[in-house]
Amino acid sequence: MGREEAVAEVRRRLAVPPPRVFAAFADPSVVSRWLTPSPEVRLTVLGFEFRVGGSYRFAYHIPGGGDMFVNGEYRVIEPPSRIVFSWNIEPPDEHAGIRSEVTVTLTPSGSGTALHIRHEQLTRPGAAERHAEGWRGAIDQLAAALGRA
């Protein structure tokens, strides 16, 4: 698999400034409202330590499909512009064992924010496409949540 095939990238301009977008990644009660691939998938935050070296664990409740668990560690936190964290899918999901990394970059863009998500090390066939689709759905929900805030 080539390097490009192992990467999912999503870019979006959001109508709110970087500190507001950054805050949506830093607050577990807000994260639980938007960090899912679609509104039908519900997220329960099982653990959340938003600090360098801190960990998180999420349970995704998929209608008719059971639960999927993801955990990771925050590696870089630079308010309000950058967050890097690992993304580890737990068994029994078909992509279990993928130990990937997500970089979130927030850049001022007029009165809003240019959001760039780069999810790397997606080494299983189909993983980059699956994660890109998931991030696009999550960012749709993030934009909607920020519009309501």
N, C-alpha and C. Protein backbone atom coordinates (compact mmCIF):
# COMPACT_ATOMS: atom_id res chain seq x y z
N MET A 1 0.85 -1.18 0.00
CA MET A 1 0.00 0.00 0.00
C MET A 1 0.88 1.23 0.00
N GLY A 2 0.59 2.17 -0.87
CA GLY A 2 1.35 3.40 -0.95
C GLY A 2 1.02 4.34 0.20
N ARG A 3 1.91 5.28 0.44
CA ARG A 3 1.74 6.23 1.54
C ARG A 3 0.44 7.02 1.41
N GLU A 4 0.09 7.47 0.19
CA GLU A 4 -1.14 8.24 0.01
C GLU A 4 -2.37 7.41 0.34
N GLU A 5 -2.32 6.11 0.02
CA GLU A 5 -3.47 5.25 0.27
C GLU A 5 -3.70 5.03 1.76
N ALA A 6 -2.71 5.28 2.59
CA ALA A 6 -2.83 5.06 4.02
C ALA A 6 -3.22 6.32 4.78
N VAL A 7 -3.64 7.37 4.05
CA VAL A 7 -3.96 8.66 4.64
C VAL A 7 -5.37 9.09 4.24
N ALA A 8 -6.10 9.60 5.23
CA ALA A 8 -7.40 10.24 4.98
C ALA A 8 -7.24 11.72 5.33
N GLU A 9 -7.63 12.59 4.40
CA GLU A 9 -7.55 14.03 4.67
C GLU A 9 -8.89 14.68 4.39
N VAL A 10 -9.27 15.57 5.30
CA VAL A 10 -10.51 16.32 5.17
C VAL A 10 -10.19 17.78 5.48
N ARG A 11 -10.69 18.67 4.62
CA ARG A 11 -10.53 20.11 4.83
C ARG A 11 -11.90 20.76 4.77
N ARG A 12 -12.10 21.75 5.64
CA ARG A 12 -13.38 22.44 5.65
C ARG A 12 -13.17 23.82 6.26
N ARG A 13 -13.88 24.80 5.72
CA ARG A 13 -13.88 26.12 6.33
C ARG A 13 -15.10 26.21 7.23
N LEU A 14 -14.87 26.60 8.48
CA LEU A 14 -15.94 26.76 9.45
C LEU A 14 -16.13 28.25 9.75
N ALA A 15 -17.34 28.65 10.06
CA ALA A 15 -17.67 30.07 10.21
C ALA A 15 -17.35 30.65 11.57
N VAL A 16 -16.67 29.89 12.43
CA VAL A 16 -16.32 30.39 13.75
C VAL A 16 -14.80 30.42 13.89
N PRO A 17 -14.27 31.26 14.80
CA PRO A 17 -12.81 31.39 14.94
C PRO A 17 -12.16 30.15 15.56
N PRO A 18 -10.85 29.97 15.33
CA PRO A 18 -10.14 28.80 15.83
C PRO A 18 -10.34 28.47 17.31
N PRO A 19 -10.35 29.44 18.22
CA PRO A 19 -10.54 29.06 19.63
C PRO A 19 -11.86 28.31 19.88
N ARG A 20 -12.92 28.65 19.17
CA ARG A 20 -14.20 27.95 19.34
C ARG A 20 -14.14 26.54 18.77
N VAL A 21 -13.47 26.38 17.64
CA VAL A 21 -13.33 25.04 17.06
C VAL A 21 -12.45 24.19 17.97
N PHE A 22 -11.34 24.76 18.43
CA PHE A 22 -10.43 24.05 19.33
C PHE A 22 -11.19 23.57 20.57
N ALA A 23 -12.02 24.43 21.15
CA ALA A 23 -12.78 24.09 22.35
C ALA A 23 -13.71 22.90 22.11
N ALA A 24 -14.19 22.73 20.88
CA ALA A 24 -15.08 21.61 20.56
C ALA A 24 -14.34 20.28 20.59
N PHE A 25 -13.02 20.30 20.46
CA PHE A 25 -12.20 19.09 20.57
C PHE A 25 -11.78 18.84 22.02
N ALA A 26 -11.84 19.86 22.86
CA ALA A 26 -11.29 19.80 24.22
C ALA A 26 -12.31 19.47 25.29
N ASP A 27 -13.59 19.53 24.98
CA ASP A 27 -14.65 19.35 25.98
C ASP A 27 -15.40 18.05 25.69
N PRO A 28 -15.33 17.06 26.60
CA PRO A 28 -15.96 15.77 26.31
C PRO A 28 -17.47 15.84 26.09
N SER A 29 -18.15 16.78 26.73
CA SER A 29 -19.60 16.89 26.52
C SER A 29 -19.92 17.40 25.12
N VAL A 30 -19.02 18.21 24.55
CA VAL A 30 -19.19 18.69 23.18
C VAL A 30 -18.75 17.61 22.19
N VAL A 31 -17.62 16.97 22.47
CA VAL A 31 -17.12 15.89 21.61
C VAL A 31 -18.20 14.83 21.41
N SER A 32 -18.90 14.48 22.47
CA SER A 32 -19.92 13.42 22.38
C SER A 32 -21.07 13.80 21.46
N ARG A 33 -21.24 15.09 21.17
CA ARG A 33 -22.33 15.53 20.31
C ARG A 33 -21.97 15.55 18.82
N TRP A 34 -20.67 15.51 18.50
CA TRP A 34 -20.34 15.67 17.08
C TRP A 34 -19.35 14.64 16.52
N LEU A 35 -18.54 13.98 17.32
CA LEU A 35 -17.46 13.14 16.78
C LEU A 35 -17.97 11.74 16.41
N THR A 36 -18.95 11.71 15.52
CA THR A 36 -19.48 10.45 14.98
C THR A 36 -19.65 10.61 13.48
N PRO A 37 -19.64 9.51 12.74
CA PRO A 37 -19.73 9.61 11.28
C PRO A 37 -21.11 10.03 10.79
N SER A 38 -22.14 9.91 11.62
CA SER A 38 -23.49 10.32 11.24
C SER A 38 -24.32 10.53 12.49
N PRO A 39 -25.42 11.26 12.39
CA PRO A 39 -26.26 11.50 13.57
C PRO A 39 -26.87 10.22 14.16
N GLU A 40 -26.96 9.16 13.35
CA GLU A 40 -27.53 7.91 13.83
C GLU A 40 -26.58 7.16 14.76
N VAL A 41 -25.30 7.42 14.64
CA VAL A 41 -24.30 6.76 15.48
C VAL A 41 -24.11 7.61 16.73
N ARG A 42 -24.31 6.99 17.89
CA ARG A 42 -24.21 7.69 19.16
C ARG A 42 -22.83 7.43 19.78
N LEU A 43 -22.26 8.45 20.41
CA LEU A 43 -20.95 8.35 21.04
C LEU A 43 -21.08 8.51 22.55
N THR A 44 -20.49 7.57 23.28
CA THR A 44 -20.35 7.70 24.73
C THR A 44 -18.87 7.88 25.03
N VAL A 45 -18.55 8.94 25.75
CA VAL A 45 -17.16 9.19 26.16
C VAL A 45 -16.92 8.40 27.44
N LEU A 46 -16.04 7.39 27.35
CA LEU A 46 -15.74 6.53 28.49
C LEU A 46 -14.57 7.05 29.31
N GLY A 47 -13.68 7.78 28.67
CA GLY A 47 -12.53 8.38 29.35
C GLY A 47 -12.07 9.57 28.53
N PHE A 48 -11.57 10.63 29.19
CA PHE A 48 -11.18 11.82 28.44
C PHE A 48 -10.26 12.68 29.30
N GLU A 49 -8.97 12.67 28.99
CA GLU A 49 -7.98 13.51 29.65
C GLU A 49 -7.30 14.36 28.58
N PHE A 50 -7.85 15.54 28.33
CA PHE A 50 -7.34 16.39 27.27
C PHE A 50 -6.11 17.15 27.76
N ARG A 51 -4.97 16.46 27.68
CA ARG A 51 -3.66 17.03 28.03
C ARG A 51 -2.63 16.17 27.32
N VAL A 52 -1.45 16.71 27.07
CA VAL A 52 -0.40 15.93 26.44
C VAL A 52 -0.10 14.72 27.34
N GLY A 53 -0.15 13.54 26.75
CA GLY A 53 0.04 12.31 27.50
C GLY A 53 -1.25 11.75 28.07
N GLY A 54 -2.33 12.53 28.00
CA GLY A 54 -3.63 12.08 28.49
C GLY A 54 -4.27 11.14 27.48
N SER A 55 -5.20 10.33 27.96
CA SER A 55 -5.83 9.35 27.10
C SER A 55 -7.32 9.62 26.95
N TYR A 56 -7.91 8.93 25.99
CA TYR A 56 -9.36 8.97 25.80
C TYR A 56 -9.81 7.57 25.40
N ARG A 57 -11.10 7.33 25.59
CA ARG A 57 -11.72 6.10 25.10
C ARG A 57 -13.17 6.40 24.79
N PHE A 58 -13.59 6.02 23.57
CA PHE A 58 -14.94 6.27 23.10
C PHE A 58 -15.63 4.96 22.76
N ALA A 59 -16.93 4.92 23.00
CA ALA A 59 -17.77 3.81 22.54
C ALA A 59 -18.75 4.39 21.51
N TYR A 60 -18.71 3.84 20.32
CA TYR A 60 -19.64 4.22 19.26
C TYR A 60 -20.75 3.19 19.21
N HIS A 61 -21.99 3.64 19.35
CA HIS A 61 -23.16 2.76 19.33
C HIS A 61 -23.77 2.84 17.93
N ILE A 62 -23.61 1.77 17.17
CA ILE A 62 -24.02 1.74 15.77
C ILE A 62 -25.37 1.04 15.67
N PRO A 63 -26.39 1.73 15.14
CA PRO A 63 -27.71 1.11 15.05
C PRO A 63 -27.64 -0.22 14.30
N GLY A 64 -28.13 -1.27 14.92
CA GLY A 64 -28.15 -2.58 14.30
C GLY A 64 -26.79 -3.22 14.14
N GLY A 65 -25.74 -2.60 14.68
CA GLY A 65 -24.40 -3.13 14.46
C GLY A 65 -23.58 -3.27 15.72
N GLY A 66 -24.16 -3.05 16.88
CA GLY A 66 -23.40 -3.18 18.11
C GLY A 66 -22.56 -1.96 18.41
N ASP A 67 -21.49 -2.18 19.16
CA ASP A 67 -20.62 -1.09 19.60
C ASP A 67 -19.23 -1.24 19.01
N MET A 68 -18.58 -0.10 18.78
CA MET A 68 -17.20 -0.05 18.34
C MET A 68 -16.45 0.84 19.33
N PHE A 69 -15.26 0.41 19.73
CA PHE A 69 -14.49 1.16 20.72
C PHE A 69 -13.19 1.68 20.09
N VAL A 70 -12.86 2.93 20.46
CA VAL A 70 -11.64 3.57 19.99
C VAL A 70 -10.96 4.19 21.21
N ASN A 71 -9.64 4.07 21.26
CA ASN A 71 -8.89 4.71 22.34
C ASN A 71 -7.66 5.37 21.75
N GLY A 72 -7.04 6.22 22.54
CA GLY A 72 -5.82 6.86 22.09
C GLY A 72 -5.22 7.76 23.14
N GLU A 73 -4.16 8.43 22.72
CA GLU A 73 -3.42 9.33 23.61
C GLU A 73 -3.19 10.65 22.89
N TYR A 74 -3.30 11.73 23.64
CA TYR A 74 -3.01 13.06 23.09
C TYR A 74 -1.50 13.27 23.10
N ARG A 75 -0.95 13.53 21.93
CA ARG A 75 0.51 13.68 21.79
C ARG A 75 0.95 15.13 21.72
N VAL A 76 0.14 15.98 21.07
CA VAL A 76 0.45 17.40 20.93
C VAL A 76 -0.84 18.17 21.15
N ILE A 77 -0.79 19.20 21.97
CA ILE A 77 -1.93 20.12 22.15
C ILE A 77 -1.35 21.52 22.15
N GLU A 78 -1.66 22.28 21.10
CA GLU A 78 -1.18 23.65 20.95
C GLU A 78 -2.37 24.57 20.70
N PRO A 79 -3.00 25.07 21.78
CA PRO A 79 -4.18 25.92 21.61
C PRO A 79 -3.84 27.20 20.86
N PRO A 80 -4.68 27.70 20.00
CA PRO A 80 -5.88 27.06 19.45
C PRO A 80 -5.66 26.50 18.05
N SER A 81 -4.44 25.98 17.77
CA SER A 81 -4.13 25.70 16.37
C SER A 81 -3.83 24.24 16.02
N ARG A 82 -3.47 23.39 16.99
CA ARG A 82 -3.04 22.04 16.59
C ARG A 82 -3.28 21.04 17.70
N ILE A 83 -3.76 19.85 17.29
CA ILE A 83 -3.96 18.72 18.19
C ILE A 83 -3.50 17.48 17.43
N VAL A 84 -2.69 16.65 18.08
CA VAL A 84 -2.26 15.38 17.49
C VAL A 84 -2.60 14.29 18.51
N PHE A 85 -3.25 13.22 18.03
CA PHE A 85 -3.59 12.12 18.92
C PHE A 85 -3.58 10.80 18.17
N SER A 86 -3.30 9.73 18.92
CA SER A 86 -3.37 8.40 18.32
C SER A 86 -4.84 7.98 18.25
N TRP A 87 -5.13 7.04 17.36
CA TRP A 87 -6.50 6.54 17.13
C TRP A 87 -6.38 5.04 16.97
N ASN A 88 -6.78 4.31 18.00
CA ASN A 88 -6.62 2.86 18.03
C ASN A 88 -8.00 2.19 18.09
N ILE A 89 -8.31 1.40 17.08
CA ILE A 89 -9.59 0.70 17.02
C ILE A 89 -9.44 -0.64 17.73
N GLU A 90 -10.38 -0.91 18.63
CA GLU A 90 -10.33 -2.12 19.45
C GLU A 90 -11.14 -3.25 18.81
N PRO A 91 -10.78 -4.50 19.12
CA PRO A 91 -11.57 -5.65 18.67
C PRO A 91 -12.99 -5.55 19.24
N PRO A 92 -13.99 -6.08 18.58
CA PRO A 92 -13.91 -6.99 17.44
C PRO A 92 -14.09 -6.30 16.08
N ASP A 93 -13.99 -4.97 16.00
CA ASP A 93 -14.21 -4.27 14.74
C ASP A 93 -13.28 -4.81 13.66
N GLU A 94 -13.77 -4.78 12.40
CA GLU A 94 -12.98 -5.30 11.28
C GLU A 94 -11.65 -4.57 11.11
N HIS A 95 -11.56 -3.35 11.60
CA HIS A 95 -10.32 -2.58 11.49
C HIS A 95 -9.54 -2.58 12.81
N ALA A 96 -9.90 -3.47 13.73
CA ALA A 96 -9.19 -3.55 15.01
C ALA A 96 -7.70 -3.80 14.76
N GLY A 97 -6.91 -3.20 15.60
CA GLY A 97 -5.47 -3.36 15.48
C GLY A 97 -4.80 -2.24 14.71
N ILE A 98 -5.57 -1.43 13.99
CA ILE A 98 -4.98 -0.27 13.32
C ILE A 98 -4.61 0.74 14.40
N ARG A 99 -3.35 1.12 14.41
CA ARG A 99 -2.87 2.12 15.36
C ARG A 99 -2.44 3.33 14.53
N SER A 100 -3.35 4.26 14.39
CA SER A 100 -3.13 5.38 13.49
C SER A 100 -2.99 6.69 14.28
N GLU A 101 -2.75 7.76 13.54
CA GLU A 101 -2.54 9.06 14.17
C GLU A 101 -3.33 10.13 13.43
N VAL A 102 -3.95 11.03 14.21
CA VAL A 102 -4.76 12.12 13.67
C VAL A 102 -4.09 13.44 14.02
N THR A 103 -3.95 14.31 13.01
CA THR A 103 -3.46 15.67 13.23
C THR A 103 -4.56 16.63 12.82
N VAL A 104 -4.96 17.48 13.76
CA VAL A 104 -5.97 18.50 13.52
C VAL A 104 -5.25 19.84 13.49
N THR A 105 -5.40 20.58 12.39
CA THR A 105 -4.77 21.90 12.26
C THR A 105 -5.88 22.93 12.05
N LEU A 106 -5.85 23.98 12.83
CA LEU A 106 -6.84 25.06 12.76
C LEU A 106 -6.11 26.35 12.43
N THR A 107 -6.49 26.97 11.30
CA THR A 107 -5.84 28.18 10.83
C THR A 107 -6.88 29.27 10.65
N PRO A 108 -6.62 30.49 11.14
CA PRO A 108 -7.59 31.57 10.91
C PRO A 108 -7.84 31.75 9.41
N SER A 109 -9.10 31.98 9.08
CA SER A 109 -9.51 32.21 7.69
C SER A 109 -10.61 33.25 7.71
N GLY A 110 -10.23 34.51 7.51
CA GLY A 110 -11.19 35.59 7.67
C GLY A 110 -11.69 35.60 9.11
N SER A 111 -13.01 35.60 9.28
CA SER A 111 -13.56 35.55 10.64
C SER A 111 -13.81 34.11 11.09
N GLY A 112 -13.43 33.15 10.25
CA GLY A 112 -13.65 31.74 10.55
C GLY A 112 -12.36 30.96 10.70
N THR A 113 -12.47 29.65 10.41
CA THR A 113 -11.35 28.74 10.60
C THR A 113 -11.23 27.79 9.42
N ALA A 114 -10.01 27.61 8.94
CA ALA A 114 -9.72 26.55 7.98
C ALA A 114 -9.32 25.33 8.81
N LEU A 115 -10.13 24.28 8.75
CA LEU A 115 -9.89 23.05 9.49
C LEU A 115 -9.29 22.02 8.56
N HIS A 116 -8.21 21.40 9.00
CA HIS A 116 -7.56 20.35 8.21
C HIS A 116 -7.35 19.16 9.14
N ILE A 117 -7.91 18.02 8.78
CA ILE A 117 -7.72 16.78 9.52
C ILE A 117 -6.93 15.83 8.64
N ARG A 118 -5.82 15.35 9.15
CA ARG A 118 -4.98 14.38 8.44
C ARG A 118 -4.87 13.14 9.32
N HIS A 119 -5.43 12.04 8.85
CA HIS A 119 -5.45 10.79 9.61
C HIS A 119 -4.52 9.83 8.87
N GLU A 120 -3.38 9.48 9.52
CA GLU A 120 -2.32 8.70 8.88
C GLU A 120 -2.21 7.30 9.48
N GLN A 121 -1.45 6.46 8.77
CA GLN A 121 -1.14 5.09 9.18
C GLN A 121 -2.38 4.19 9.15
N LEU A 122 -3.26 4.45 8.20
CA LEU A 122 -4.46 3.63 8.01
C LEU A 122 -4.10 2.50 7.06
N THR A 123 -3.49 1.47 7.60
CA THR A 123 -2.78 0.47 6.81
C THR A 123 -3.64 -0.67 6.27
N ARG A 124 -4.87 -0.80 6.67
CA ARG A 124 -5.71 -1.88 6.16
C ARG A 124 -6.42 -1.44 4.88
N PRO A 125 -6.66 -2.37 3.96
CA PRO A 125 -7.41 -2.01 2.75
C PRO A 125 -8.77 -1.41 3.12
N GLY A 126 -9.09 -0.29 2.51
CA GLY A 126 -10.36 0.38 2.74
C GLY A 126 -10.40 1.29 3.95
N ALA A 127 -9.37 1.25 4.80
CA ALA A 127 -9.39 2.04 6.03
C ALA A 127 -9.35 3.54 5.76
N ALA A 128 -8.53 3.99 4.81
CA ALA A 128 -8.44 5.43 4.53
C ALA A 128 -9.78 5.96 4.04
N GLU A 129 -10.43 5.22 3.15
CA GLU A 129 -11.72 5.66 2.63
C GLU A 129 -12.77 5.69 3.74
N ARG A 130 -12.78 4.65 4.57
CA ARG A 130 -13.76 4.58 5.67
C ARG A 130 -13.56 5.75 6.62
N HIS A 131 -12.31 6.05 6.97
CA HIS A 131 -12.05 7.13 7.91
C HIS A 131 -12.31 8.50 7.30
N ALA A 132 -11.99 8.69 6.03
CA ALA A 132 -12.28 9.98 5.38
C ALA A 132 -13.79 10.23 5.38
N GLU A 133 -14.56 9.20 5.07
CA GLU A 133 -16.02 9.35 5.09
C GLU A 133 -16.50 9.67 6.51
N GLY A 134 -15.94 8.98 7.50
CA GLY A 134 -16.31 9.25 8.88
C GLY A 134 -15.99 10.66 9.32
N TRP A 135 -14.80 11.14 8.95
CA TRP A 135 -14.42 12.51 9.30
C TRP A 135 -15.31 13.53 8.61
N ARG A 136 -15.65 13.28 7.34
CA ARG A 136 -16.55 14.23 6.65
C ARG A 136 -17.88 14.32 7.38
N GLY A 137 -18.45 13.18 7.79
CA GLY A 137 -19.71 13.19 8.53
C GLY A 137 -19.56 13.89 9.88
N ALA A 138 -18.46 13.64 10.56
CA ALA A 138 -18.24 14.28 11.86
C ALA A 138 -18.11 15.79 11.71
N ILE A 139 -17.40 16.24 10.68
CA ILE A 139 -17.22 17.68 10.49
C ILE A 139 -18.54 18.34 10.11
N ASP A 140 -19.40 17.64 9.38
CA ASP A 140 -20.75 18.16 9.14
C ASP A 140 -21.46 18.42 10.47
N GLN A 141 -21.35 17.44 11.38
CA GLN A 141 -22.00 17.60 12.68
C GLN A 141 -21.32 18.67 13.54
N LEU A 142 -19.99 18.77 13.44
CA LEU A 142 -19.28 19.81 14.17
C LEU A 142 -19.74 21.19 13.70
N ALA A 143 -19.83 21.39 12.40
CA ALA A 143 -20.27 22.68 11.85
C ALA A 143 -21.67 23.01 12.35
N ALA A 144 -22.56 22.03 12.37
CA ALA A 144 -23.91 22.25 12.86
C ALA A 144 -23.92 22.58 14.36
N ALA A 145 -23.09 21.86 15.13
CA ALA A 145 -23.03 22.10 16.58
C ALA A 145 -22.48 23.49 16.88
N LEU A 146 -21.47 23.91 16.13
CA LEU A 146 -20.89 25.24 16.34
C LEU A 146 -21.88 26.34 15.94
N GLY A 147 -22.70 26.05 14.96
CA GLY A 147 -23.71 27.01 14.53
C GLY A 147 -24.79 27.21 15.58
N ARG A 148 -25.01 26.16 16.39
CA ARG A 148 -26.02 26.25 17.46
C ARG A 148 -25.45 26.83 18.74
N ALA A 149 -24.13 26.78 18.88
CA ALA A 149 -23.52 27.20 20.16
C ALA A 149 -23.55 28.70 20.34
